[in-house]
Amino acid sequence: MSTLTDRKNAAISRGVGMTTQIYADRAENAEIWDKDGNRYIDFAAGIAVVNTGHRHPKVMAAVKDQLDRFTHTCHQVVPYENYVELAERLNALLPGKEPKKTIFATTGAEAVENAIKIARHYTGRPAVISFAGGFHGRTFMGMALTGKVQPYKAGFGPMMNDIWHLPFPNDLHGVSQQDALDALDRLFKADLEPGRVAAIIIEPVQGEGGFYEVPAGFMQKLREICDAHGILLIADEVQTGFARTGKLFAMEHHGVAADLTTMAKGLGGGLPISAVTGRAEVMDSPGPGGLGGTYAGNPLGVAAAHAVLDVIEEEQLAERAERLGQRLKQRLAGLRDAVPEIVDIRGPGFMNAVEFNIAGTDKPNPEMANRVREEALKRNLILLTCGVYGNVIRFLAPLTIQDDVFAEALDILEDSVKAARG
């Protein structure tokens, strides 16, 4: 008799990778039960999607109410009020005092694509600068912007042209802020005149790249450079948004307003929806029909997003993210003496990571990170790795995780780290 994994292997392209062989049957808040009734604690949250937990009652109620009204008309054909209202809310919530406007799409990659389209249209310029280690999606523009070859670019042929990468400032890996700024200066002098650059796109905390936070002051320097040359600054908040970092948006930590912001993941609480919000004059540059999509701003996703924003405010999830992150980092810090492979513990709010090197060296240790992940899975805790070298464990549990479940997860994590070393 074929197992589900056998059926998956026979039916689905191997290009769709799987971190686990757990087949979900049901989920609630921070817990998942598989088809065999096994319970798991979820420290992945669908890769930062269910910040408000699996099936939050308020989100489910909003979706069910919308389901009873209509599921699709295409906003470009027959518009609907909750789309307009959600745009109004995001326009008011994003950092920056200038008037803003919003469009909705379906995925994070789609949001990034639209942000680049808007930036190129507004500036009349083709070039875009992004950063090594950044992740911006799996479409061709998303791949081109992404600063990580494996597994995202390998074998897919030529990338989109006029995309340029800078080193991401990361003291742990020997790249200072000044190194990154000097690289930009060299780029402008040797290869790319500033007047040809439409935008610089950056994640306030690199997601897939290793959960490295933009250091204090760097975002302000980018803002000054962009303003000096008429370049737009795009903040990719697809993974950092919606209270994950202890603020509704991670850019709030930097006191800098982007010209365009991309959002997805946590916005829909488990339903697919993404957005681009930016300065009104920039967003209004493309003409009618230049932006949009058949499923863009699906009514169910919009209804869920309204509920997500309500839950974040009512349950003070940004503040809770800070408390959870501090507890996690303190627990990991307590392991450093016994586990010399731990080279760094980091992350704002509850967007945290632990990085492993070979003990006593500066060489990445992806084997240790993977062993921790595997040991945790044996103990029914779901973890994800990340980083250019694969030597980072990232922690993305729902911000609504119950205190007792969180305490249980921390015990499992400690046991797993020790077992991985032993």
Protein backbone atom coordinates (compact mmCIF):
# COMPACT_ATOMS: atom_id res chain seq x y z
CA MET A 1 0.00 0.00 0.00
CA SER A 2 1.39 3.37 -1.02
CA THR A 3 2.20 5.88 1.70
CA LEU A 4 1.33 9.55 1.35
CA THR A 5 5.01 10.24 0.71
CA ASP A 6 5.04 7.64 -2.09
CA ARG A 7 1.96 9.28 -3.60
CA LYS A 8 3.52 12.72 -3.24
CA ASN A 9 6.72 11.58 -4.96
CA ALA A 10 4.72 10.06 -7.82
CA ALA A 11 2.40 13.02 -8.31
CA ILE A 12 4.25 16.24 -7.42
CA SER A 13 7.36 17.78 -8.94
CA ARG A 14 10.46 17.23 -6.81
CA GLY A 15 11.14 20.95 -7.24
CA VAL A 16 8.56 21.52 -4.51
CA GLY A 17 10.81 20.79 -1.54
CA MET A 18 9.48 19.59 1.82
CA THR A 19 11.08 20.26 5.19
CA THR A 20 9.14 17.48 6.93
CA GLN A 21 7.08 14.42 6.04
CA ILE A 22 4.27 15.57 8.34
CA TYR A 23 0.91 15.64 6.57
CA ALA A 24 -1.34 18.08 8.40
CA ASP A 25 -4.84 17.03 9.36
CA ARG A 26 -5.81 19.95 11.61
CA ALA A 27 -4.19 22.87 13.40
CA GLU A 28 -5.03 25.22 16.25
CA ASN A 29 -2.98 28.25 17.34
CA ALA A 30 0.59 26.92 17.65
CA GLU A 31 -0.17 23.20 17.33
CA ILE A 32 -0.58 20.86 14.35
CA TRP A 33 -1.93 17.30 14.33
CA ASP A 34 -1.00 14.97 11.48
CA LYS A 35 -3.05 12.29 9.73
CA ASP A 36 -1.99 9.75 12.37
CA GLY A 37 -3.04 11.96 15.27
CA ASN A 38 0.48 12.98 16.29
CA ARG A 39 0.73 16.46 17.85
CA TYR A 40 3.47 18.93 16.89
CA ILE A 41 4.39 22.37 18.19
CA ASP A 42 4.73 24.70 15.21
CA PHE A 43 7.74 27.02 15.29
CA ALA A 44 7.44 27.74 11.58
CA ALA A 45 3.96 29.30 11.34
CA GLY A 46 3.80 28.52 7.64
CA ILE A 47 7.00 30.61 7.26
CA ALA A 48 5.75 33.63 9.22
CA VAL A 49 2.22 33.49 7.80
CA VAL A 50 0.06 32.63 10.80
CA ASN A 51 1.47 35.24 13.18
CA THR A 52 -1.99 35.28 14.74
CA GLY A 53 -1.99 31.49 15.06
CA HIS A 54 -3.67 28.73 13.11
CA ARG A 55 -7.39 29.36 12.77
CA HIS A 56 -7.67 32.35 15.09
CA PRO A 57 -11.39 32.53 15.97
CA LYS A 58 -11.71 36.16 14.90
CA VAL A 59 -10.02 35.48 11.55
CA MET A 60 -12.17 32.40 10.95
CA ALA A 61 -15.35 34.30 11.79
CA ALA A 62 -14.45 37.08 9.34
CA VAL A 63 -13.72 34.60 6.56
CA LYS A 64 -16.94 32.66 7.19
CA ASP A 65 -18.97 35.85 7.12
CA GLN A 66 -17.39 36.83 3.79
CA LEU A 67 -17.89 33.31 2.46
CA ASP A 68 -21.62 33.74 2.98
CA ARG A 69 -21.56 36.96 0.93
CA PHE A 70 -19.31 36.31 -2.09
CA THR A 71 -15.92 34.79 -2.79
CA HIS A 72 -14.85 36.49 -6.01
CA THR A 73 -15.93 39.20 -8.40
CA CYS A 74 -12.49 40.55 -9.40
CA HIS A 75 -12.09 44.00 -7.89
CA GLN A 76 -11.26 45.40 -11.34
CA VAL A 77 -14.69 44.31 -12.61
CA VAL A 78 -17.03 44.61 -9.62
CA PRO A 79 -15.22 46.29 -6.70
CA TYR A 80 -16.03 45.83 -3.03
CA GLU A 81 -15.85 48.03 0.04
CA ASN A 82 -13.62 45.91 2.28
CA TYR A 83 -10.83 46.15 -0.33
CA VAL A 84 -11.07 49.94 -0.17
CA GLU A 85 -11.24 49.92 3.64
CA LEU A 86 -8.16 47.67 3.94
CA ALA A 87 -6.21 50.01 1.68
CA GLU A 88 -7.25 52.92 3.88
CA ARG A 89 -6.03 51.07 6.98
CA LEU A 90 -2.63 50.18 5.51
CA ASN A 91 -2.16 53.71 4.18
CA ALA A 92 -2.66 55.01 7.73
CA LEU A 93 -0.49 52.35 9.41
CA LEU A 94 2.66 52.43 7.27
CA PRO A 95 5.51 54.70 8.46
CA GLY A 96 5.75 58.13 6.84
CA LYS A 97 3.64 61.28 6.88
CA GLU A 98 3.09 61.70 3.14
CA PRO A 99 -0.22 60.57 1.59
CA LYS A 100 -0.15 56.92 0.54
CA LYS A 101 -2.01 54.53 -1.71
CA THR A 102 -2.18 50.74 -1.88
CA ILE A 103 -2.70 47.90 -4.33
CA PHE A 104 -3.39 44.28 -3.46
CA ALA A 105 -2.03 41.11 -5.03
CA THR A 106 -1.87 37.47 -4.00
CA THR A 107 1.73 36.50 -3.10
CA GLY A 108 4.85 38.16 -1.75
CA ALA A 109 6.65 37.65 -5.06
CA GLU A 110 3.75 39.36 -6.84
CA ALA A 111 3.99 42.30 -4.45
CA VAL A 112 7.71 42.63 -5.19
CA GLU A 113 7.09 42.41 -8.94
CA ASN A 114 4.52 45.19 -8.71
CA ALA A 115 6.79 47.37 -6.56
CA ILE A 116 9.53 47.13 -9.20
CA LYS A 117 7.04 47.89 -11.98
CA ILE A 118 5.82 50.96 -10.11
CA ALA A 119 9.36 52.14 -9.32
CA ARG A 120 10.49 51.80 -12.93
CA HIS A 121 7.39 53.53 -14.24
CA TYR A 122 7.64 56.45 -11.80
CA THR A 123 11.36 57.06 -12.23
CA GLY A 124 11.66 56.14 -15.90
CA ARG A 125 14.79 54.18 -14.93
CA PRO A 126 15.55 50.46 -15.35
CA ALA A 127 18.15 49.42 -12.76
CA VAL A 128 17.41 47.96 -9.32
CA ILE A 129 19.86 47.30 -6.47
CA SER A 130 19.35 44.57 -3.88
CA PHE A 131 21.55 42.77 -1.35
CA ALA A 132 23.47 39.53 -1.06
CA GLY A 133 21.52 37.06 1.06
CA GLY A 134 18.21 38.80 0.43
CA PHE A 135 15.15 36.84 -0.65
CA HIS A 136 12.42 38.40 -2.77
CA GLY A 137 10.55 35.53 -4.41
CA ARG A 138 10.72 32.80 -7.02
CA THR A 139 9.46 34.64 -10.12
CA PHE A 140 12.18 35.71 -12.54
CA MET A 141 12.33 39.23 -11.13
CA GLY A 142 12.17 37.80 -7.61
CA MET A 143 14.99 35.36 -8.38
CA ALA A 144 17.10 38.09 -9.94
CA LEU A 145 16.71 40.28 -6.86
CA THR A 146 17.37 37.36 -4.50
CA GLY A 147 20.97 37.15 -3.34
CA LYS A 148 21.15 33.39 -2.88
CA VAL A 149 21.87 30.94 -5.72
CA GLN A 150 20.96 27.58 -4.13
CA PRO A 151 18.24 26.48 -4.49
CA TYR A 152 16.50 29.50 -5.98
CA LYS A 153 18.51 30.41 -9.10
CA ALA A 154 20.51 27.31 -9.95
CA GLY A 155 19.73 25.95 -13.41
CA PHE A 156 17.03 28.46 -14.32
CA GLY A 157 19.05 30.31 -16.93
CA PRO A 158 19.67 34.02 -17.37
CA MET A 159 18.17 36.29 -14.74
CA MET A 160 16.44 39.60 -15.42
CA ASN A 161 19.01 42.19 -16.43
CA ASP A 162 19.99 45.46 -14.74
CA ILE A 163 19.81 43.93 -11.26
CA TRP A 164 22.83 44.66 -9.05
CA HIS A 165 23.77 43.20 -5.67
CA LEU A 166 25.55 44.83 -2.75
CA PRO A 167 27.08 43.07 0.26
CA PHE A 168 24.69 43.13 3.21
CA PRO A 169 26.20 44.79 6.31
CA ASN A 170 26.87 41.95 8.72
CA ASP A 171 29.61 42.29 11.31
CA LEU A 172 29.43 38.58 12.15
CA HIS A 173 30.54 37.79 8.61
CA GLY A 174 33.07 40.58 8.33
CA VAL A 175 30.99 43.13 6.38
CA SER A 176 30.68 46.49 8.11
CA GLN A 177 28.20 49.23 7.27
CA GLN A 178 31.04 51.16 5.73
CA ASP A 179 32.01 48.15 3.60
CA ALA A 180 28.48 48.02 2.18
CA LEU A 181 28.37 51.77 1.55
CA ASP A 182 31.83 51.68 -0.05
CA ALA A 183 30.62 48.88 -2.34
CA LEU A 184 27.71 51.07 -3.40
CA ASP A 185 30.08 53.95 -4.07
CA ARG A 186 32.31 51.68 -6.18
CA LEU A 187 29.26 50.42 -8.07
CA PHE A 188 28.26 53.99 -8.90
CA LYS A 189 31.79 54.81 -10.04
CA ALA A 190 32.61 51.67 -12.01
CA ASP A 191 29.42 50.14 -13.42
CA LEU A 192 26.18 51.98 -12.82
CA GLU A 193 25.44 55.67 -12.81
CA PRO A 194 22.98 56.62 -10.04
CA GLY A 195 20.70 58.32 -12.56
CA ARG A 196 19.88 54.89 -14.06
CA VAL A 197 18.74 53.36 -10.75
CA ALA A 198 15.00 53.12 -10.12
CA ALA A 199 15.11 51.59 -6.65
CA ILE A 200 17.06 49.97 -3.86
CA ILE A 201 15.14 47.08 -2.27
CA ILE A 202 16.04 45.71 1.16
CA GLU A 203 14.57 43.49 3.88
CA PRO A 204 14.78 45.23 7.29
CA VAL A 205 15.62 41.77 8.62
CA GLN A 206 16.84 39.27 6.05
CA GLY A 207 14.54 36.26 6.14
CA GLU A 208 15.77 33.28 4.14
CA GLY A 209 19.24 34.87 4.18
CA GLY A 210 19.72 34.22 7.91
CA PHE A 211 17.64 36.63 10.04
CA TYR A 212 20.28 39.36 9.97
CA GLU A 213 18.87 42.73 10.98
CA VAL A 214 19.86 45.91 9.16
CA PRO A 215 22.24 47.59 11.64
CA ALA A 216 21.29 50.86 13.31
CA GLY A 217 21.94 53.85 11.11
CA PHE A 218 22.30 51.97 7.83
CA MET A 219 18.72 52.47 6.71
CA GLN A 220 19.08 56.21 7.31
CA LYS A 221 22.20 56.24 5.11
CA LEU A 222 20.29 54.44 2.36
CA ARG A 223 17.48 56.96 2.68
CA GLU A 224 19.94 59.84 2.27
CA ILE A 225 21.59 58.23 -0.77
CA CYS A 226 18.22 57.54 -2.39
CA ASP A 227 17.06 61.11 -1.80
CA ALA A 228 20.29 62.51 -3.21
CA HIS A 229 19.93 60.60 -6.48
CA GLY A 230 16.15 60.39 -6.98
CA ILE A 231 16.14 56.64 -6.21
CA LEU A 232 13.16 54.98 -4.52
CA LEU A 233 13.68 52.96 -1.34
CA ILE A 234 11.64 49.75 -1.23
CA ALA A 235 11.20 47.94 2.09
CA ASP A 236 10.42 44.25 1.62
CA GLU A 237 8.34 43.56 4.74
CA VAL A 238 6.86 40.31 3.45
CA GLN A 239 8.38 38.31 6.33
CA THR A 240 9.07 41.11 8.83
CA GLY A 241 5.60 42.66 8.82
CA PHE A 242 2.62 42.44 11.14
CA ALA A 243 4.12 42.52 14.64
CA ARG A 244 6.75 39.83 14.06
CA THR A 245 9.67 42.10 15.02
CA GLY A 246 7.98 43.81 17.96
CA LYS A 247 6.58 46.60 15.78
CA LEU A 248 3.74 46.39 13.29
CA PHE A 249 6.39 46.99 10.60
CA ALA A 250 10.12 46.47 11.05
CA MET A 251 10.93 49.84 9.44
CA GLU A 252 9.55 51.46 12.59
CA HIS A 253 12.73 50.32 14.36
CA HIS A 254 14.77 52.49 12.01
CA GLY A 255 12.74 55.71 12.01
CA VAL A 256 12.84 55.71 8.21
CA ALA A 257 9.92 55.69 5.77
CA ALA A 258 10.28 53.72 2.55
CA ASP A 259 8.80 55.00 -0.69
CA LEU A 260 7.24 51.60 -1.33
CA THR A 261 6.58 48.70 1.05
CA THR A 262 5.78 45.11 0.06
CA MET A 263 3.67 42.93 2.37
CA ALA A 264 2.19 39.43 2.36
CA LYS A 265 2.52 36.39 4.69
CA GLY A 266 1.24 37.61 8.09
CA LEU A 267 -1.28 39.98 6.50
CA GLY A 268 -3.75 37.23 5.61
CA GLY A 269 -3.53 35.05 8.72
CA GLY A 270 -3.35 31.94 6.53
CA LEU A 271 -5.19 33.18 3.46
CA PRO A 272 -3.30 34.39 0.37
CA ILE A 273 -3.11 38.15 0.05
CA SER A 274 -0.29 40.63 -0.50
CA ALA A 275 0.01 44.38 -0.86
CA VAL A 276 2.17 47.24 -2.01
CA THR A 277 1.74 50.53 -0.16
CA GLY A 278 3.64 53.66 -1.07
CA ARG A 279 3.71 57.38 -1.61
CA ALA A 280 0.56 58.37 -3.45
CA GLU A 281 2.32 60.15 -6.30
CA VAL A 282 4.53 57.10 -6.88
CA MET A 283 1.66 54.62 -6.69
CA ASP A 284 -0.41 56.69 -9.12
CA SER A 285 2.27 56.67 -11.81
CA PRO A 286 1.05 53.60 -13.77
CA GLY A 287 -2.14 54.12 -15.75
CA PRO A 288 -5.41 52.20 -15.29
CA GLY A 289 -4.90 48.55 -16.20
CA GLY A 290 -1.16 48.69 -15.60
CA LEU A 291 -1.57 47.06 -12.20
CA GLY A 292 -3.89 44.39 -10.87
CA GLY A 293 -4.67 40.71 -11.31
CA THR A 294 -7.65 38.41 -11.48
CA TYR A 295 -7.32 37.21 -7.89
CA ALA A 296 -5.63 40.34 -6.54
CA GLY A 297 -7.24 41.36 -3.26
CA ASN A 298 -9.47 38.27 -3.03
CA PRO A 299 -12.46 39.04 -0.77
CA LEU A 300 -11.69 36.19 1.65
CA GLY A 301 -8.08 37.32 2.00
CA VAL A 302 -9.18 40.91 2.54
CA ALA A 303 -11.67 39.86 5.23
CA ALA A 304 -8.97 37.82 6.97
CA ALA A 305 -6.54 40.76 6.81
CA HIS A 306 -9.00 43.08 8.55
CA ALA A 307 -9.37 40.54 11.34
CA VAL A 308 -5.59 40.08 11.59
CA LEU A 309 -5.08 43.81 12.08
CA ASP A 310 -7.81 43.82 14.74
CA VAL A 311 -6.24 40.87 16.58
CA ILE A 312 -2.75 42.42 16.53
CA GLU A 313 -4.11 45.56 18.13
CA GLU A 314 -6.54 43.97 20.58
CA GLU A 315 -4.13 41.29 21.82
CA GLN A 316 -1.10 43.63 21.76
CA LEU A 317 0.88 41.13 19.71
CA ALA A 318 3.77 43.50 18.96
CA GLU A 319 4.44 43.79 22.69
CA ARG A 320 3.96 40.05 23.12
CA ALA A 321 6.50 39.42 20.36
CA GLU A 322 9.09 41.31 22.41
CA ARG A 323 8.39 39.24 25.52
CA LEU A 324 8.46 35.92 23.69
CA GLY A 325 11.66 36.80 21.86
CA GLN A 326 13.41 37.78 25.07
CA ARG A 327 12.47 34.50 26.74
CA LEU A 328 13.68 32.48 23.74
CA LYS A 329 16.98 34.35 23.46
CA GLN A 330 17.62 34.05 27.20
CA ARG A 331 17.05 30.28 27.03
CA LEU A 332 19.45 29.96 24.10
CA ALA A 333 22.02 32.16 25.83
CA GLY A 334 21.97 29.74 28.75
CA LEU A 335 23.26 27.03 26.41
CA ARG A 336 26.31 28.87 25.10
CA ASP A 337 28.80 27.54 27.63
CA ALA A 338 27.77 23.95 26.99
CA VAL A 339 27.39 24.39 23.21
CA PRO A 340 30.41 26.26 21.81
CA GLU A 341 29.02 25.82 18.29
CA ILE A 342 26.57 28.66 19.05
CA VAL A 343 28.19 31.74 17.53
CA ASP A 344 25.24 34.15 17.59
CA ILE A 345 21.73 34.57 18.99
CA ARG A 346 19.79 37.42 17.47
CA GLY A 347 16.67 39.01 16.14
CA PRO A 348 14.17 41.75 17.01
CA GLY A 349 10.87 40.87 18.62
CA PHE A 350 9.97 37.24 17.96
CA MET A 351 11.90 37.01 14.66
CA ASN A 352 14.83 35.18 16.21
CA ALA A 353 17.68 32.94 15.12
CA VAL A 354 20.63 30.97 16.44
CA GLU A 355 23.70 30.49 14.25
CA PHE A 356 26.17 27.61 14.47
CA ASN A 357 29.84 27.46 13.51
CA ILE A 358 32.30 24.63 13.89
CA ALA A 359 33.43 25.05 17.49
CA GLY A 360 36.41 27.36 17.84
CA THR A 361 36.37 28.47 14.21
CA ASP A 362 34.60 30.98 11.99
CA LYS A 363 33.46 28.21 9.61
CA PRO A 364 29.68 27.70 9.25
CA ASN A 365 28.27 24.46 10.64
CA PRO A 366 25.15 23.55 8.63
CA GLU A 367 25.36 19.97 9.88
CA MET A 368 24.80 21.14 13.46
CA ALA A 369 21.82 23.28 12.45
CA ASN A 370 20.26 20.38 10.59
CA ARG A 371 20.86 17.99 13.48
CA VAL A 372 19.09 20.40 15.82
CA ARG A 373 16.16 20.56 13.40
CA GLU A 374 16.01 16.76 13.15
CA GLU A 375 16.30 16.22 16.91
CA ALA A 376 13.52 18.73 17.50
CA LEU A 377 11.30 17.00 14.95
CA LYS A 378 11.84 13.67 16.76
CA ARG A 379 10.46 15.46 19.82
CA ASN A 380 7.52 16.93 17.83
CA LEU A 381 8.81 20.49 17.49
CA ILE A 382 8.87 21.91 13.96
CA LEU A 383 11.88 24.14 13.20
CA LEU A 384 13.25 25.72 10.03
CA THR A 385 16.83 26.34 8.94
CA CYS A 386 17.97 29.27 6.82
CA GLY A 387 21.04 31.28 5.85
CA VAL A 388 23.32 31.31 2.83
CA TYR A 389 25.34 28.51 4.49
CA GLY A 390 22.33 26.71 6.00
CA ASN A 391 23.82 27.06 9.48
CA VAL A 392 21.00 29.08 11.07
CA ILE A 393 17.86 27.91 12.90
CA ARG A 394 15.08 30.49 12.63
CA PHE A 395 12.19 30.72 15.05
CA LEU A 396 8.78 31.83 13.77
CA ALA A 397 6.17 30.50 16.19
CA PRO A 398 2.78 32.24 16.19
CA LEU A 399 2.75 35.35 18.35
CA THR A 400 -0.38 33.95 20.00
CA ILE A 401 1.34 30.75 21.23
CA GLN A 402 -0.01 29.66 24.61
CA ASP A 403 2.40 30.18 27.54
CA ASP A 404 2.40 26.50 28.50
CA VAL A 405 3.01 25.38 24.92
CA PHE A 406 5.84 27.90 24.59
CA ALA A 407 7.45 26.63 27.79
CA GLU A 408 7.14 23.06 26.50
CA ALA A 409 8.76 24.08 23.21
CA LEU A 410 11.69 25.75 24.98
CA ASP A 411 12.35 22.55 26.93
CA ILE A 412 12.28 20.52 23.71
CA LEU A 413 14.59 23.02 22.02
CA GLU A 414 17.14 22.81 24.81
CA ASP A 415 17.06 19.00 24.75
CA SER A 416 17.40 19.02 20.97
CA VAL A 417 20.43 21.32 20.93
CA LYS A 418 22.17 19.17 23.54
CA ALA A 419 21.28 15.96 21.69
CA ALA A 420 22.54 17.40 18.40
CA ARG A 421 25.89 18.14 19.98
CA GLY A 422 26.11 14.77 21.73
